[in-house]
């Protein structure tokens, strides 16, 4: 194999002790695998990507935009901007929220939100699986 550039890491035949980037797990999968950055735009604006899908999952798990933001090391204002952008671009809101007070202060991921998460994950998995099989055949 000639020199091949893989995510900024140059690997050559016969090289030993190649340092792997820190973002790779401690228990890598054998063989080649493809990782993608995927996002969906609507009218040229970011609708959903990995970060926004994760935010929706965290809101669903924690019931709060603020708690979800903290769990992802985001500011509340950034998380709210993401939620607002997704809600504005979607035909139906992905997240609804109740204002504070007794029984309030909760954020709820709607059915449309769950559908968006699932469709995003399905698209990402299909894309990675297609590339994985192609890479396996080529290398």
N, C-alpha and C. Protein backbone atom coordinates (compact mmCIF):
# COMPACT_ATOMS: atom_id res chain seq x y z
N UNK A 1 0.84 -1.16 0.00
CA UNK A 1 0.00 0.00 0.00
C UNK A 1 0.89 1.23 0.00
N UNK A 2 0.60 2.17 -0.87
CA UNK A 2 1.35 3.42 -0.88
C UNK A 2 0.87 4.28 0.29
N UNK A 3 1.50 5.41 0.44
CA UNK A 3 1.09 6.29 1.53
C UNK A 3 -0.37 6.67 1.38
N UNK A 4 -1.06 6.65 2.49
CA UNK A 4 -2.49 6.94 2.48
C UNK A 4 -2.78 7.90 3.62
N UNK A 5 -3.50 8.94 3.32
CA UNK A 5 -3.84 9.91 4.37
C UNK A 5 -5.20 9.55 4.94
N UNK A 6 -5.26 9.27 6.21
CA UNK A 6 -6.50 8.90 6.88
C UNK A 6 -6.69 9.87 8.04
N UNK A 7 -7.66 10.78 7.89
CA UNK A 7 -7.99 11.77 8.92
C UNK A 7 -6.75 12.46 9.46
N UNK A 8 -5.92 12.93 8.56
CA UNK A 8 -4.76 13.72 8.98
C UNK A 8 -3.58 12.89 9.46
N UNK A 9 -3.70 11.57 9.46
CA UNK A 9 -2.63 10.70 9.92
C UNK A 9 -2.05 10.00 8.70
N UNK A 10 -0.77 10.16 8.47
CA UNK A 10 -0.14 9.52 7.32
C UNK A 10 0.46 8.20 7.79
N UNK A 11 0.03 7.14 7.12
CA UNK A 11 0.50 5.81 7.48
C UNK A 11 1.19 5.20 6.27
N UNK A 12 2.33 4.59 6.45
CA UNK A 12 3.02 3.94 5.35
C UNK A 12 3.24 2.48 5.67
N UNK A 13 3.49 1.69 4.64
CA UNK A 13 3.74 0.27 4.82
C UNK A 13 4.97 0.06 5.68
N UNK A 14 4.89 -0.89 6.58
CA UNK A 14 6.05 -1.25 7.38
C UNK A 14 6.30 -0.34 8.57
N UNK A 15 5.57 0.75 8.70
CA UNK A 15 5.77 1.61 9.86
C UNK A 15 5.23 0.92 11.09
N UNK A 16 5.95 1.06 12.18
CA UNK A 16 5.52 0.46 13.43
C UNK A 16 5.31 1.56 14.45
N UNK A 17 4.53 1.23 15.46
CA UNK A 17 4.27 2.15 16.56
C UNK A 17 3.69 3.48 16.10
N UNK A 18 2.74 3.41 15.21
CA UNK A 18 2.06 4.61 14.76
C UNK A 18 1.11 5.04 15.87
N UNK A 19 1.24 6.29 16.29
CA UNK A 19 0.36 6.80 17.33
C UNK A 19 -1.01 7.07 16.76
N UNK A 20 -2.01 6.54 17.42
CA UNK A 20 -3.36 6.79 16.95
C UNK A 20 -3.90 8.05 17.60
N UNK A 21 -4.75 8.78 16.88
CA UNK A 21 -5.34 9.98 17.47
C UNK A 21 -6.13 9.63 18.73
N UNK A 22 -6.16 10.53 19.68
CA UNK A 22 -6.77 10.26 20.97
C UNK A 22 -8.27 10.04 20.90
N UNK A 23 -8.93 10.49 19.83
CA UNK A 23 -10.38 10.31 19.78
C UNK A 23 -10.79 8.87 19.47
N UNK A 24 -9.83 8.03 19.04
CA UNK A 24 -10.15 6.64 18.82
C UNK A 24 -10.27 5.94 20.16
N UNK A 25 -11.16 4.98 20.25
CA UNK A 25 -11.37 4.27 21.51
C UNK A 25 -10.20 3.39 21.88
N UNK A 26 -10.22 2.96 23.12
CA UNK A 26 -9.17 2.07 23.61
C UNK A 26 -9.33 0.66 23.04
N UNK A 27 -10.51 0.33 22.58
CA UNK A 27 -10.77 -1.00 22.04
C UNK A 27 -11.25 -0.87 20.59
N UNK A 28 -10.32 -0.57 19.70
CA UNK A 28 -10.72 -0.35 18.30
C UNK A 28 -11.23 -1.63 17.65
N UNK A 29 -12.06 -1.43 16.65
CA UNK A 29 -12.58 -2.55 15.87
C UNK A 29 -11.51 -2.95 14.87
N UNK A 30 -11.31 -4.25 14.70
CA UNK A 30 -10.28 -4.72 13.76
C UNK A 30 -10.67 -4.36 12.34
N UNK A 31 -9.67 -4.14 11.53
CA UNK A 31 -9.89 -3.83 10.13
C UNK A 31 -10.22 -2.37 9.92
N UNK A 32 -10.62 -2.06 8.71
CA UNK A 32 -10.95 -0.69 8.37
C UNK A 32 -12.39 -0.39 8.73
N UNK A 33 -12.64 0.81 9.18
CA UNK A 33 -14.02 1.27 9.37
C UNK A 33 -14.07 2.74 8.99
N UNK A 34 -15.21 3.17 8.56
CA UNK A 34 -15.39 4.53 8.09
C UNK A 34 -16.23 5.29 9.10
N UNK A 35 -15.84 6.53 9.38
CA UNK A 35 -16.60 7.39 10.27
C UNK A 35 -16.92 8.66 9.49
N UNK A 36 -18.14 9.10 9.61
CA UNK A 36 -18.56 10.25 8.82
C UNK A 36 -19.08 11.37 9.71
N UNK A 37 -19.04 12.55 9.20
CA UNK A 37 -19.72 13.69 9.79
C UNK A 37 -20.89 13.97 8.85
N UNK A 38 -22.09 13.83 9.37
CA UNK A 38 -23.28 13.96 8.54
C UNK A 38 -24.19 15.00 9.15
N UNK A 39 -24.75 15.85 8.32
CA UNK A 39 -25.76 16.78 8.79
C UNK A 39 -26.78 16.96 7.69
N UNK A 40 -27.97 17.41 8.09
CA UNK A 40 -29.06 17.63 7.16
C UNK A 40 -29.40 19.11 7.18
N UNK A 41 -29.49 19.71 6.01
CA UNK A 41 -29.85 21.12 5.90
C UNK A 41 -31.23 21.25 5.29
N UNK A 42 -31.90 22.32 5.64
CA UNK A 42 -33.16 22.68 4.98
C UNK A 42 -33.02 24.12 4.52
N UNK A 43 -33.23 24.34 3.25
CA UNK A 43 -33.09 25.68 2.66
C UNK A 43 -31.74 26.31 2.99
N UNK A 44 -30.69 25.49 2.99
CA UNK A 44 -29.34 25.98 3.23
C UNK A 44 -28.99 26.22 4.68
N UNK A 45 -29.89 25.88 5.61
CA UNK A 45 -29.63 26.07 7.04
C UNK A 45 -29.54 24.72 7.72
N UNK A 46 -28.63 24.61 8.68
CA UNK A 46 -28.45 23.36 9.41
C UNK A 46 -29.73 23.00 10.16
N UNK A 47 -30.26 21.82 9.85
CA UNK A 47 -31.45 21.33 10.55
C UNK A 47 -31.04 20.39 11.67
N UNK A 48 -30.33 19.32 11.32
CA UNK A 48 -29.90 18.37 12.35
C UNK A 48 -28.56 17.76 11.95
N UNK A 49 -27.74 17.55 12.94
CA UNK A 49 -26.45 16.90 12.79
C UNK A 49 -26.20 16.11 14.06
N UNK A 50 -25.00 15.62 14.22
CA UNK A 50 -24.67 14.79 15.38
C UNK A 50 -24.89 15.50 16.71
N UNK A 51 -24.46 16.76 16.81
CA UNK A 51 -24.62 17.50 18.05
C UNK A 51 -26.07 17.78 18.38
N UNK A 52 -26.83 18.16 17.39
CA UNK A 52 -28.25 18.46 17.62
C UNK A 52 -29.04 17.20 17.94
N UNK A 53 -28.70 16.09 17.28
CA UNK A 53 -29.37 14.82 17.61
C UNK A 53 -29.07 14.42 19.05
N UNK A 54 -27.81 14.58 19.45
CA UNK A 54 -27.42 14.28 20.83
C UNK A 54 -28.15 15.19 21.81
N UNK A 55 -28.29 16.46 21.47
CA UNK A 55 -29.01 17.40 22.33
C UNK A 55 -30.46 16.96 22.51
N UNK A 56 -31.11 16.56 21.43
CA UNK A 56 -32.49 16.08 21.53
C UNK A 56 -32.57 14.85 22.44
N UNK A 57 -31.62 13.94 22.29
CA UNK A 57 -31.60 12.75 23.15
C UNK A 57 -31.43 13.13 24.62
N UNK A 58 -30.55 14.08 24.88
CA UNK A 58 -30.30 14.51 26.26
C UNK A 58 -31.51 15.24 26.84
N UNK A 59 -32.19 16.05 26.04
CA UNK A 59 -33.41 16.72 26.50
C UNK A 59 -34.45 15.66 26.84
N UNK A 60 -34.57 14.65 25.99
CA UNK A 60 -35.53 13.58 26.24
C UNK A 60 -35.19 12.84 27.53
N UNK A 61 -33.92 12.59 27.76
CA UNK A 61 -33.47 11.84 28.94
C UNK A 61 -33.63 12.67 30.22
N UNK A 62 -33.28 13.96 30.15
CA UNK A 62 -33.22 14.80 31.34
C UNK A 62 -34.45 15.68 31.55
N UNK A 63 -35.23 15.89 30.49
CA UNK A 63 -36.44 16.70 30.61
C UNK A 63 -36.18 18.19 30.76
N UNK A 64 -35.00 18.64 30.37
CA UNK A 64 -34.65 20.04 30.55
C UNK A 64 -33.59 20.44 29.53
N UNK A 65 -33.79 21.60 28.91
CA UNK A 65 -32.79 22.10 27.97
C UNK A 65 -31.52 22.48 28.72
N UNK A 66 -31.69 23.12 29.89
CA UNK A 66 -30.52 23.54 30.68
C UNK A 66 -29.70 22.34 31.12
N UNK A 67 -30.35 21.29 31.62
CA UNK A 67 -29.63 20.09 32.06
C UNK A 67 -28.96 19.40 30.88
N UNK A 68 -29.65 19.35 29.75
CA UNK A 68 -29.06 18.74 28.55
C UNK A 68 -27.84 19.53 28.10
N UNK A 69 -27.93 20.85 28.15
CA UNK A 69 -26.79 21.69 27.77
C UNK A 69 -25.61 21.43 28.69
N UNK A 70 -25.86 21.37 30.00
CA UNK A 70 -24.77 21.11 30.96
C UNK A 70 -24.13 19.75 30.69
N UNK A 71 -24.94 18.75 30.38
CA UNK A 71 -24.40 17.41 30.15
C UNK A 71 -23.50 17.35 28.92
N UNK A 72 -23.69 18.31 28.01
CA UNK A 72 -22.88 18.35 26.78
C UNK A 72 -21.84 19.47 26.80
N UNK A 73 -21.69 20.14 27.93
CA UNK A 73 -20.78 21.27 28.05
C UNK A 73 -21.10 22.38 27.05
N UNK A 74 -22.40 22.62 26.85
CA UNK A 74 -22.87 23.73 26.02
C UNK A 74 -23.43 24.81 26.94
N UNK A 75 -23.45 26.03 26.45
CA UNK A 75 -24.16 27.05 27.19
C UNK A 75 -25.66 26.86 26.94
N UNK A 76 -26.46 27.32 27.87
CA UNK A 76 -27.91 27.22 27.69
C UNK A 76 -28.33 27.99 26.44
N UNK A 77 -27.73 29.17 26.25
CA UNK A 77 -28.14 29.98 25.10
C UNK A 77 -27.83 29.28 23.78
N UNK A 78 -26.70 28.58 23.72
CA UNK A 78 -26.37 27.82 22.50
C UNK A 78 -27.37 26.69 22.29
N UNK A 79 -27.66 25.95 23.36
CA UNK A 79 -28.62 24.84 23.26
C UNK A 79 -29.98 25.38 22.83
N UNK A 80 -30.39 26.50 23.42
CA UNK A 80 -31.69 27.06 23.06
C UNK A 80 -31.71 27.50 21.59
N UNK A 81 -30.61 28.06 21.10
CA UNK A 81 -30.53 28.46 19.70
C UNK A 81 -30.67 27.24 18.78
N UNK A 82 -30.03 26.14 19.16
CA UNK A 82 -30.14 24.92 18.36
C UNK A 82 -31.58 24.42 18.33
N UNK A 83 -32.21 24.37 19.51
CA UNK A 83 -33.60 23.90 19.59
C UNK A 83 -34.51 24.82 18.80
N UNK A 84 -34.34 26.12 18.97
CA UNK A 84 -35.18 27.08 18.26
C UNK A 84 -35.01 26.95 16.75
N UNK A 85 -33.77 26.79 16.28
CA UNK A 85 -33.52 26.64 14.84
C UNK A 85 -34.21 25.39 14.30
N UNK A 86 -34.08 24.27 15.04
CA UNK A 86 -34.72 23.04 14.58
C UNK A 86 -36.24 23.20 14.55
N UNK A 87 -36.79 23.81 15.60
CA UNK A 87 -38.23 24.03 15.64
C UNK A 87 -38.71 24.92 14.51
N UNK A 88 -37.94 25.97 14.19
CA UNK A 88 -38.32 26.89 13.11
C UNK A 88 -38.27 26.21 11.74
N UNK A 89 -37.30 25.33 11.55
CA UNK A 89 -37.13 24.68 10.25
C UNK A 89 -38.07 23.49 10.06
N UNK A 90 -38.57 22.94 11.14
CA UNK A 90 -39.43 21.77 11.07
C UNK A 90 -40.89 22.19 10.90
N UNK A 91 -41.67 21.32 10.26
CA UNK A 91 -43.10 21.59 10.11
C UNK A 91 -43.81 21.53 11.46
N UNK A 92 -43.32 20.69 12.35
CA UNK A 92 -43.85 20.57 13.71
C UNK A 92 -42.69 20.77 14.67
N UNK A 93 -42.94 21.34 15.86
CA UNK A 93 -41.86 21.51 16.82
C UNK A 93 -41.26 20.16 17.23
N UNK A 94 -39.93 20.15 17.39
CA UNK A 94 -39.25 18.94 17.85
C UNK A 94 -39.18 18.92 19.38
N UNK A 95 -39.19 20.10 19.97
CA UNK A 95 -39.15 20.23 21.43
C UNK A 95 -40.19 21.27 21.84
N UNK A 96 -40.96 20.93 22.86
CA UNK A 96 -41.86 21.91 23.47
C UNK A 96 -41.40 22.12 24.89
N UNK A 97 -41.68 23.30 25.43
CA UNK A 97 -41.28 23.53 26.81
C UNK A 97 -42.39 24.25 27.55
N UNK A 98 -42.45 23.95 28.83
CA UNK A 98 -43.38 24.63 29.73
C UNK A 98 -42.56 25.59 30.57
N UNK A 99 -43.10 26.76 30.82
CA UNK A 99 -42.37 27.73 31.65
C UNK A 99 -42.34 27.23 33.09
N UNK A 100 -41.49 27.82 33.89
CA UNK A 100 -41.29 27.41 35.28
C UNK A 100 -42.54 27.52 36.13
N UNK A 101 -42.39 27.16 37.37
CA UNK A 101 -43.52 27.17 38.30
C UNK A 101 -43.87 25.74 38.68
N UNK A 102 -44.98 25.59 39.38
CA UNK A 102 -45.40 24.26 39.81
C UNK A 102 -45.69 23.40 38.59
N UNK A 103 -44.97 22.28 38.48
CA UNK A 103 -45.16 21.36 37.36
C UNK A 103 -44.62 21.89 36.05
N UNK A 104 -43.91 23.02 36.07
CA UNK A 104 -43.41 23.61 34.83
C UNK A 104 -41.91 23.43 34.71
N UNK A 105 -41.34 24.14 33.77
CA UNK A 105 -39.90 24.10 33.58
C UNK A 105 -39.41 22.84 32.90
N UNK A 106 -40.29 22.12 32.26
CA UNK A 106 -39.89 20.88 31.59
C UNK A 106 -39.83 21.10 30.09
N UNK A 107 -38.93 20.40 29.48
CA UNK A 107 -38.85 20.37 28.02
C UNK A 107 -39.19 18.95 27.58
N UNK A 108 -39.96 18.85 26.53
CA UNK A 108 -40.40 17.55 26.05
C UNK A 108 -40.05 17.40 24.57
N UNK A 109 -39.40 16.30 24.25
CA UNK A 109 -39.14 15.99 22.85
C UNK A 109 -40.42 15.38 22.29
N UNK A 110 -40.93 16.00 21.24
CA UNK A 110 -42.21 15.57 20.66
C UNK A 110 -42.02 14.32 19.79
N UNK A 111 -43.13 13.82 19.30
CA UNK A 111 -43.07 12.68 18.37
C UNK A 111 -42.25 13.04 17.14
N UNK A 112 -42.40 14.27 16.66
CA UNK A 112 -41.61 14.72 15.50
C UNK A 112 -40.12 14.75 15.85
N UNK A 113 -39.81 15.11 17.08
CA UNK A 113 -38.42 15.12 17.54
C UNK A 113 -37.83 13.72 17.57
N UNK A 114 -38.61 12.77 18.10
CA UNK A 114 -38.14 11.37 18.12
C UNK A 114 -37.95 10.85 16.70
N UNK A 115 -38.85 11.22 15.81
CA UNK A 115 -38.73 10.80 14.42
C UNK A 115 -37.46 11.37 13.79
N UNK A 116 -37.17 12.64 14.07
CA UNK A 116 -35.96 13.28 13.52
C UNK A 116 -34.70 12.59 14.03
N UNK A 117 -34.67 12.27 15.34
CA UNK A 117 -33.51 11.55 15.91
C UNK A 117 -33.33 10.22 15.21
N UNK A 118 -34.41 9.45 15.12
CA UNK A 118 -34.34 8.11 14.53
C UNK A 118 -33.95 8.15 13.05
N UNK A 119 -34.51 9.09 12.30
CA UNK A 119 -34.16 9.19 10.88
C UNK A 119 -32.70 9.60 10.71
N UNK A 120 -32.22 10.53 11.54
CA UNK A 120 -30.82 10.94 11.47
C UNK A 120 -29.90 9.75 11.76
N UNK A 121 -30.18 9.01 12.84
CA UNK A 121 -29.33 7.88 13.21
C UNK A 121 -29.36 6.79 12.14
N UNK A 122 -30.54 6.55 11.58
CA UNK A 122 -30.67 5.53 10.53
C UNK A 122 -29.87 5.94 9.29
N UNK A 123 -29.96 7.19 8.90
CA UNK A 123 -29.21 7.68 7.75
C UNK A 123 -27.71 7.59 7.99
N UNK A 124 -27.26 8.00 9.19
CA UNK A 124 -25.84 7.93 9.53
C UNK A 124 -25.35 6.48 9.52
N UNK A 125 -26.12 5.57 10.12
CA UNK A 125 -25.71 4.16 10.17
C UNK A 125 -25.66 3.55 8.77
N UNK A 126 -26.65 3.86 7.93
CA UNK A 126 -26.65 3.33 6.57
C UNK A 126 -25.45 3.83 5.78
N UNK A 127 -25.15 5.12 5.94
CA UNK A 127 -24.02 5.71 5.24
C UNK A 127 -22.71 5.05 5.68
N UNK A 128 -22.52 4.90 7.00
CA UNK A 128 -21.29 4.29 7.50
C UNK A 128 -21.19 2.82 7.09
N UNK A 129 -22.30 2.09 7.12
CA UNK A 129 -22.28 0.68 6.72
C UNK A 129 -21.96 0.54 5.23
N UNK A 130 -22.53 1.42 4.40
CA UNK A 130 -22.23 1.38 2.97
C UNK A 130 -20.74 1.63 2.73
N UNK A 131 -20.20 2.63 3.40
CA UNK A 131 -18.78 2.93 3.24
C UNK A 131 -17.91 1.82 3.81
N UNK A 132 -18.30 1.25 4.96
CA UNK A 132 -17.52 0.16 5.56
C UNK A 132 -17.40 -1.01 4.59
N UNK A 133 -18.52 -1.39 3.96
CA UNK A 133 -18.45 -2.52 3.04
C UNK A 133 -17.62 -2.18 1.81
N UNK A 134 -17.71 -0.95 1.35
CA UNK A 134 -16.91 -0.54 0.18
C UNK A 134 -15.42 -0.51 0.52
N UNK A 135 -15.08 0.00 1.69
CA UNK A 135 -13.68 0.07 2.11
C UNK A 135 -13.13 -1.34 2.28
N UNK A 136 -13.92 -2.24 2.86
CA UNK A 136 -13.48 -3.62 3.06
C UNK A 136 -13.15 -4.29 1.73
N UNK A 137 -13.96 -4.00 0.71
CA UNK A 137 -13.74 -4.59 -0.61
C UNK A 137 -12.49 -3.99 -1.29
N UNK A 138 -12.25 -2.70 -1.07
CA UNK A 138 -11.15 -2.02 -1.74
C UNK A 138 -9.80 -2.29 -1.12
N UNK A 139 -9.75 -2.47 0.20
CA UNK A 139 -8.46 -2.63 0.87
C UNK A 139 -8.26 -4.08 1.21
